[in-house]
Amino acid sequence: MGKPPSKSSKSTSAPQKKSAPHKKASSPPLQYRPRAPPPTTPLPPPAAAAAAYSRARRLPLLLAGVTVIGIGCYSTLIYISLTRDDPRLKRIPRDASDRFDDNAWVYDSGVDTVEWLTGITKRRKEMASMARGHLLEVAAGTGRNHAFYDTKKLATVTMLDQSAQMLAVGKKKWKDEHPEYARRIFWRTQSALEPIAPPPQSPDGFDYVIQTMALCSTAEPVKLLQNLGEVAKPEGGRILLLEHGRSHYAWLNGVLDKTAAAHADEHGCWWNKDIGKIVEESGLEVVKLKRYNFGTTWWVELKPKPKPRLLEKIAGEASDVGGSGGPQEKVAQKPWWAFWG
């Protein structure tokens, strides 16, 4: 029989040691403090957002409504005051320009807002920017166009007005706005109905003649325009007018007619004149005509029609250039108004 295994025959292998747990390396200390997250504004609930949006939309409409109501009330008060039954208004002369002497130093403050709202200030700027060469401004007044002239384009400037007080305001304004331009400007206190002498530097006339809001203040507007045609250069001269007068619409003309006397008494001008008819009767040639504010604001660009001596000169030059060398038959010249026969 086999022998039982002895105790010494048991496995004598040494027990395995358990490995120590792995320790993580400690991280270096932070060099700065962690930044706190930005605060967040909680969104308003949908109902509150809708209410705020609705209020934001209503505010401009509310302001516009208040403005319209204010303008309407103001216009109504003006209309009532201008259409009052005052027997003195029936004696207002057609030439009420003497009012300018009394209002000279407060004139600008009385018309600044109205001219800006109606776009007249913008038209003044556009018109003045066209001027170049030798400039004549008629009815220059307090110098409401002065700031808009580019003096670099102007050879000479002549400012004319029959109101010495208005011209004094304009003269001070020019010195403040164009101190560099003082030697080539001439100031003349006279009526535009009288002969206007050109500057010594340009004996044949002015390149540009500008007149703003003046036909309404004279009793002889046709004669005034004809006089301006005499002082503009016959070749290339331009006459620029910015006037207020009759409208496109009969109802508005009725309002102008009813308020004209009161307006003339206060401001010295009749604002219901037919500017188109005055221009037509002057005999000047229309280059451009535009109307604004329901047709009551007139922008007119004119030029002198050729004079007889200029027509003869043009005809003589044409015969010299186009002739065959032999004697030329002289053709009788018809006046510009002879459209028939």
Protein backbone atom coordinates (compact mmCIF):
# COMPACT_ATOMS: atom_id res chain seq x y z
CA MET A 1 0.00 0.00 0.00
CA GLY A 2 1.21 3.41 -0.83
CA LYS A 3 2.28 5.82 1.84
CA PRO A 4 0.07 8.83 2.55
CA PRO A 5 1.54 12.09 1.51
CA SER A 6 3.56 13.69 4.18
CA LYS A 7 2.91 17.13 5.55
CA SER A 8 6.15 18.29 4.17
CA SER A 9 4.90 17.68 0.71
CA LYS A 10 2.54 20.70 0.95
CA SER A 11 3.34 23.73 -1.23
CA THR A 12 6.09 25.77 0.31
CA SER A 13 5.76 28.81 -2.04
CA ALA A 14 5.82 32.16 -0.18
CA PRO A 15 2.59 34.17 -0.11
CA GLN A 16 2.45 37.20 -2.58
CA LYS A 17 2.52 40.66 -1.04
CA LYS A 18 -0.36 43.01 -1.84
CA SER A 19 0.75 46.12 -3.84
CA ALA A 20 0.28 49.48 -2.14
CA PRO A 21 -2.47 51.69 -3.66
CA HIS A 22 -1.21 54.35 -6.25
CA LYS A 23 -1.27 57.85 -4.90
CA LYS A 24 -2.11 60.74 -7.34
CA ALA A 25 0.40 63.58 -7.54
CA SER A 26 -0.86 66.69 -5.83
CA SER A 27 -1.79 69.50 -8.31
CA PRO A 28 0.08 72.82 -8.00
CA PRO A 29 -1.77 75.64 -6.27
CA LEU A 30 -3.81 77.98 -8.49
CA GLN A 31 -2.12 81.25 -9.37
CA TYR A 32 -5.42 83.18 -9.43
CA ARG A 33 -8.79 83.01 -7.87
CA PRO A 34 -11.45 81.34 -9.97
CA ARG A 35 -13.70 83.87 -11.71
CA ALA A 36 -17.29 83.93 -10.66
CA PRO A 37 -19.79 83.27 -13.44
CA PRO A 38 -21.47 86.43 -14.80
CA PRO A 39 -24.85 87.20 -13.30
CA THR A 40 -27.74 86.35 -15.50
CA THR A 41 -30.85 88.45 -15.76
CA PRO A 42 -33.87 86.26 -15.74
CA LEU A 43 -36.08 86.68 -18.77
CA PRO A 44 -39.39 88.36 -18.03
CA PRO A 45 -42.43 86.23 -18.32
CA PRO A 46 -44.08 86.31 -21.77
CA ALA A 47 -46.95 88.49 -20.60
CA ALA A 48 -44.63 91.18 -19.16
CA ALA A 49 -42.46 91.18 -22.29
CA ALA A 50 -45.50 91.61 -24.50
CA ALA A 51 -46.74 94.51 -22.38
CA ALA A 52 -43.34 96.28 -22.52
CA TYR A 53 -43.17 95.79 -26.29
CA SER A 54 -46.67 97.17 -26.68
CA ARG A 55 -45.78 100.27 -24.62
CA ALA A 56 -42.63 100.84 -26.69
CA ARG A 57 -44.69 100.77 -29.87
CA ARG A 58 -47.40 103.06 -28.53
CA LEU A 59 -45.01 105.79 -27.36
CA PRO A 60 -44.00 107.09 -30.85
CA LEU A 61 -47.63 107.02 -31.94
CA LEU A 62 -48.61 108.96 -28.84
CA LEU A 63 -45.92 111.58 -29.44
CA ALA A 64 -46.92 111.88 -33.10
CA GLY A 65 -50.55 112.34 -32.12
CA VAL A 66 -49.69 115.06 -29.59
CA THR A 67 -47.56 116.81 -32.22
CA VAL A 68 -50.34 116.72 -34.81
CA ILE A 69 -52.88 118.03 -32.31
CA GLY A 70 -50.49 120.78 -31.25
CA ILE A 71 -49.82 121.86 -34.82
CA GLY A 72 -53.55 121.78 -35.56
CA CYS A 73 -54.39 123.94 -32.55
CA TYR A 74 -51.58 126.35 -33.36
CA SER A 75 -52.68 126.62 -36.99
CA THR A 76 -56.29 127.16 -35.93
CA LEU A 77 -55.31 129.97 -33.57
CA ILE A 78 -53.23 131.61 -36.28
CA TYR A 79 -56.08 131.30 -38.77
CA ILE A 80 -58.56 132.84 -36.33
CA SER A 81 -56.20 135.69 -35.50
CA LEU A 82 -55.39 136.39 -39.14
CA THR A 83 -59.01 136.32 -40.29
CA ARG A 84 -60.28 138.62 -37.57
CA ASP A 85 -62.58 141.36 -38.77
CA ASP A 86 -60.36 144.40 -38.27
CA PRO A 87 -61.19 147.49 -40.36
CA ARG A 88 -57.55 148.59 -40.16
CA LEU A 89 -56.55 145.63 -42.35
CA LYS A 90 -58.44 147.15 -45.27
CA ARG A 91 -55.99 150.05 -45.27
CA ILE A 92 -52.78 147.98 -45.50
CA PRO A 93 -50.75 149.27 -48.51
CA ARG A 94 -49.53 146.96 -51.25
CA ASP A 95 -45.99 147.89 -50.22
CA ALA A 96 -45.78 147.07 -46.52
CA SER A 97 -42.02 146.63 -46.45
CA ASP A 98 -41.60 149.33 -43.80
CA ARG A 99 -42.47 146.59 -41.26
CA PHE A 100 -38.99 145.17 -41.74
CA ASP A 101 -37.40 148.21 -40.13
CA ASP A 102 -39.32 147.56 -36.92
CA ASN A 103 -38.71 143.80 -36.87
CA ALA A 104 -35.09 143.65 -38.04
CA TRP A 105 -33.44 142.49 -34.82
CA VAL A 106 -36.12 139.91 -33.97
CA TYR A 107 -36.95 138.81 -37.51
CA ASP A 108 -34.84 135.64 -37.50
CA SER A 109 -36.32 134.30 -34.26
CA GLY A 110 -39.80 134.71 -35.71
CA VAL A 111 -39.22 132.66 -38.86
CA ASP A 112 -36.49 130.15 -37.96
CA THR A 113 -38.80 127.33 -36.86
CA VAL A 114 -41.37 127.81 -39.62
CA GLU A 115 -38.74 127.85 -42.38
CA TRP A 116 -37.08 124.73 -40.99
CA LEU A 117 -40.35 122.81 -40.70
CA THR A 118 -41.50 123.76 -44.22
CA GLY A 119 -38.14 122.96 -45.84
CA ILE A 120 -37.40 126.55 -46.85
CA THR A 121 -34.07 126.46 -44.99
CA LYS A 122 -33.08 123.45 -47.08
CA ARG A 123 -34.09 125.27 -50.30
CA ARG A 124 -32.02 128.29 -49.28
CA LYS A 125 -29.00 126.05 -48.82
CA GLU A 126 -29.47 124.38 -52.20
CA MET A 127 -29.89 127.71 -53.97
CA ALA A 128 -26.93 129.43 -52.31
CA SER A 129 -24.66 126.50 -53.13
CA MET A 130 -25.21 127.18 -56.86
CA ALA A 131 -23.75 130.71 -56.69
CA ARG A 132 -20.35 131.39 -58.21
CA GLY A 133 -18.49 134.23 -59.87
CA HIS A 134 -19.92 137.69 -59.27
CA LEU A 135 -22.96 137.42 -56.97
CA LEU A 136 -25.78 139.86 -56.31
CA GLU A 137 -28.29 139.08 -53.57
CA VAL A 138 -31.39 141.27 -53.71
CA ALA A 139 -33.50 141.78 -50.57
CA ALA A 140 -30.59 140.29 -48.63
CA GLY A 141 -32.23 141.25 -45.34
CA THR A 142 -30.77 139.75 -42.19
CA GLY A 143 -28.55 137.38 -44.15
CA ARG A 144 -30.53 134.18 -43.91
CA ASN A 145 -28.55 132.79 -46.87
CA HIS A 146 -25.10 133.90 -45.68
CA ALA A 147 -24.09 130.66 -43.99
CA PHE A 148 -24.74 128.64 -47.16
CA TYR A 149 -22.46 130.49 -49.59
CA ASP A 150 -19.14 128.93 -50.59
CA THR A 151 -16.94 132.02 -50.66
CA LYS A 152 -14.19 130.12 -52.48
CA LYS A 153 -16.41 130.15 -55.57
CA LEU A 154 -17.31 133.86 -55.35
CA ALA A 155 -15.28 136.57 -57.07
CA THR A 156 -17.33 139.44 -55.60
CA VAL A 157 -20.46 139.68 -53.44
CA THR A 158 -23.00 142.52 -53.52
CA MET A 159 -25.67 142.58 -50.80
CA LEU A 160 -28.63 144.89 -51.46
CA ASP A 161 -31.65 145.77 -49.34
CA GLN A 162 -33.74 148.91 -48.91
CA SER A 163 -33.96 148.39 -45.14
CA ALA A 164 -30.84 149.73 -43.45
CA GLN A 165 -31.78 147.95 -40.21
CA MET A 166 -32.14 144.55 -41.87
CA LEU A 167 -28.89 145.05 -43.76
CA ALA A 168 -27.10 145.95 -40.52
CA VAL A 169 -28.10 142.60 -39.04
CA GLY A 170 -26.94 140.83 -42.20
CA LYS A 171 -23.63 142.67 -42.21
CA LYS A 172 -22.85 141.60 -38.65
CA LYS A 173 -23.82 138.02 -39.48
CA TRP A 174 -21.54 137.97 -42.54
CA LYS A 175 -18.55 139.16 -40.50
CA ASP A 176 -19.18 136.40 -37.97
CA GLU A 177 -19.58 133.63 -40.57
CA HIS A 178 -17.07 134.74 -43.23
CA PRO A 179 -14.36 136.80 -41.51
CA GLU A 180 -11.90 135.87 -44.26
CA TYR A 181 -14.08 137.45 -46.97
CA ALA A 182 -14.19 141.19 -46.36
CA ARG A 183 -12.50 143.04 -49.24
CA ARG A 184 -14.67 141.96 -52.16
CA ILE A 185 -18.09 142.48 -50.63
CA PHE A 186 -20.27 145.54 -51.23
CA TRP A 187 -23.24 146.65 -49.09
CA ARG A 188 -25.92 148.79 -50.73
CA THR A 189 -28.98 150.26 -49.07
CA GLN A 190 -31.37 150.83 -51.96
CA SER A 191 -34.50 149.52 -53.63
CA ALA A 192 -34.13 146.78 -56.23
CA LEU A 193 -36.48 148.83 -58.43
CA GLU A 194 -33.70 151.39 -58.90
CA PRO A 195 -30.77 150.90 -61.31
CA ILE A 196 -28.18 148.54 -59.81
CA ALA A 197 -24.56 149.17 -60.71
CA PRO A 198 -22.39 146.08 -61.31
CA PRO A 199 -19.11 145.69 -59.40
CA PRO A 200 -16.00 147.30 -60.93
CA GLN A 201 -14.51 143.84 -61.50
CA SER A 202 -17.45 142.81 -63.73
CA PRO A 203 -18.86 145.76 -65.70
CA ASP A 204 -21.04 143.51 -67.89
CA GLY A 205 -23.12 142.31 -64.94
CA PHE A 206 -23.49 139.56 -62.37
CA ASP A 207 -23.10 135.82 -62.92
CA TYR A 208 -25.76 135.00 -60.32
CA VAL A 209 -28.61 137.09 -58.94
CA ILE A 210 -30.36 135.54 -55.94
CA GLN A 211 -33.59 136.77 -54.40
CA THR A 212 -35.51 135.01 -51.63
CA MET A 213 -38.93 136.07 -50.35
CA ALA A 214 -39.00 139.52 -51.95
CA LEU A 215 -41.67 139.60 -54.68
CA CYS A 216 -44.24 139.44 -51.91
CA SER A 217 -42.93 142.69 -50.41
CA THR A 218 -42.98 144.99 -53.43
CA ALA A 219 -45.90 146.69 -55.14
CA GLU A 220 -44.16 146.33 -58.53
CA PRO A 221 -42.91 142.73 -58.77
CA VAL A 222 -42.83 142.60 -62.58
CA LYS A 223 -40.69 145.73 -62.79
CA LEU A 224 -38.38 144.33 -60.12
CA LEU A 225 -37.79 141.12 -62.08
CA GLN A 226 -37.17 143.06 -65.27
CA ASN A 227 -34.57 145.11 -63.44
CA LEU A 228 -32.83 141.94 -62.28
CA GLY A 229 -32.77 140.79 -65.90
CA GLU A 230 -30.91 143.98 -66.78
CA VAL A 231 -28.10 143.39 -64.27
CA ALA A 232 -27.57 139.66 -64.94
CA LYS A 233 -24.93 138.86 -67.54
CA PRO A 234 -26.59 138.53 -70.97
CA GLU A 235 -24.57 135.39 -71.67
CA GLY A 236 -24.60 132.80 -68.91
CA GLY A 237 -26.18 134.95 -66.21
CA ARG A 238 -28.75 133.31 -63.94
CA ILE A 239 -31.51 134.67 -61.69
CA LEU A 240 -32.61 132.38 -58.83
CA LEU A 241 -35.85 133.03 -56.96
CA LEU A 242 -37.26 131.43 -53.82
CA GLU A 243 -40.72 132.87 -53.21
CA HIS A 244 -44.03 132.06 -51.57
CA GLY A 245 -47.31 132.64 -53.36
CA ARG A 246 -50.47 131.01 -54.61
CA SER A 247 -51.03 127.27 -54.31
CA HIS A 248 -52.08 124.47 -56.64
CA TYR A 249 -55.37 124.24 -54.73
CA ALA A 250 -58.30 126.65 -54.74
CA TRP A 251 -59.23 125.99 -51.10
CA LEU A 252 -55.73 126.91 -49.94
CA ASN A 253 -55.71 130.02 -52.12
CA GLY A 254 -58.92 131.03 -50.36
CA VAL A 255 -57.16 130.73 -47.00
CA LEU A 256 -54.21 132.77 -48.29
CA ASP A 257 -56.54 135.47 -49.59
CA LYS A 258 -58.42 135.73 -46.30
CA THR A 259 -55.24 135.97 -44.24
CA ALA A 260 -53.07 138.02 -46.63
CA ALA A 261 -53.83 141.45 -45.17
CA ALA A 262 -53.15 140.42 -41.58
CA HIS A 263 -49.95 138.66 -42.62
CA ALA A 264 -48.79 141.73 -44.54
CA ASP A 265 -49.53 143.95 -41.56
CA GLU A 266 -47.40 141.79 -39.28
CA HIS A 267 -44.61 140.59 -41.59
CA GLY A 268 -44.55 143.11 -44.43
CA CYS A 269 -45.33 140.72 -47.29
CA TRP A 270 -48.39 139.61 -49.26
CA TRP A 271 -48.21 135.84 -49.52
CA ASN A 272 -51.07 135.35 -52.00
CA LYS A 273 -49.40 136.71 -55.15
CA ASP A 274 -49.40 134.68 -58.37
CA ILE A 275 -45.67 134.12 -58.82
CA GLY A 276 -46.14 132.26 -62.11
CA LYS A 277 -48.01 135.17 -63.67
CA ILE A 278 -45.40 137.66 -62.43
CA VAL A 279 -42.59 135.62 -63.97
CA GLU A 280 -44.48 135.31 -67.25
CA GLU A 281 -45.10 139.04 -67.46
CA SER A 282 -41.45 139.84 -66.71
CA GLY A 283 -40.35 138.50 -70.10
CA LEU A 284 -37.48 136.49 -68.60
CA GLU A 285 -36.81 132.96 -69.83
CA VAL A 286 -37.65 130.14 -67.42
CA VAL A 287 -34.86 127.57 -67.09
CA LYS A 288 -36.33 125.56 -64.20
CA LEU A 289 -39.40 125.82 -61.98
CA LYS A 290 -40.24 123.67 -58.95
CA ARG A 291 -42.95 124.02 -56.33
CA TYR A 292 -43.26 122.71 -52.77
CA ASN A 293 -45.65 122.87 -49.80
CA PHE A 294 -48.87 122.38 -51.82
CA GLY A 295 -47.43 124.69 -54.48
CA THR A 296 -47.04 127.73 -52.22
CA THR A 297 -43.22 127.67 -52.24
CA TRP A 298 -41.76 128.55 -55.64
CA TRP A 299 -38.23 127.76 -56.81
CA VAL A 300 -37.56 129.53 -60.12
CA GLU A 301 -34.39 129.70 -62.21
CA LEU A 302 -34.44 132.38 -64.92
CA LYS A 303 -32.09 133.83 -67.48
CA PRO A 304 -32.26 137.05 -69.50
CA LYS A 305 -33.58 136.76 -73.01
CA PRO A 306 -31.10 137.87 -75.68
CA LYS A 307 -31.15 141.61 -76.20
CA PRO A 308 -31.34 143.09 -79.74
CA ARG A 309 -27.67 144.07 -79.76
CA LEU A 310 -26.72 140.56 -78.69
CA LEU A 311 -28.89 139.07 -81.46
CA GLU A 312 -27.13 141.25 -84.02
CA LYS A 313 -23.75 140.14 -82.70
CA ILE A 314 -24.73 136.46 -82.92
CA ALA A 315 -26.09 136.92 -86.45
CA GLY A 316 -22.91 138.71 -87.54
CA GLU A 317 -20.67 135.97 -86.19
CA ALA A 318 -22.78 133.31 -87.94
CA SER A 319 -22.51 135.09 -91.30
CA ASP A 320 -18.73 135.46 -90.97
CA VAL A 321 -18.24 131.77 -90.22
CA GLY A 322 -20.74 130.22 -92.62
CA GLY A 323 -20.38 132.55 -95.63
CA SER A 324 -18.89 131.57 -99.00
CA GLY A 325 -16.60 134.60 -99.20
CA GLY A 326 -18.93 136.77 -101.25
CA PRO A 327 -21.30 139.45 -100.00
CA GLN A 328 -23.88 138.07 -97.62
CA GLU A 329 -27.51 138.97 -97.77
CA LYS A 330 -28.60 140.54 -94.51
CA VAL A 331 -31.66 138.82 -93.07
CA ALA A 332 -34.01 140.95 -91.01
CA GLN A 333 -34.16 139.83 -87.40
CA LYS A 334 -37.53 139.38 -85.77
CA PRO A 335 -38.01 140.19 -82.12
CA TRP A 336 -38.25 137.18 -79.76
CA TRP A 337 -41.94 137.75 -79.12
CA ALA A 338 -42.92 137.48 -82.83
CA PHE A 339 -44.07 133.87 -82.94
CA TRP A 340 -46.45 134.43 -85.82
CA GLY A 341 -46.34 135.72 -89.38
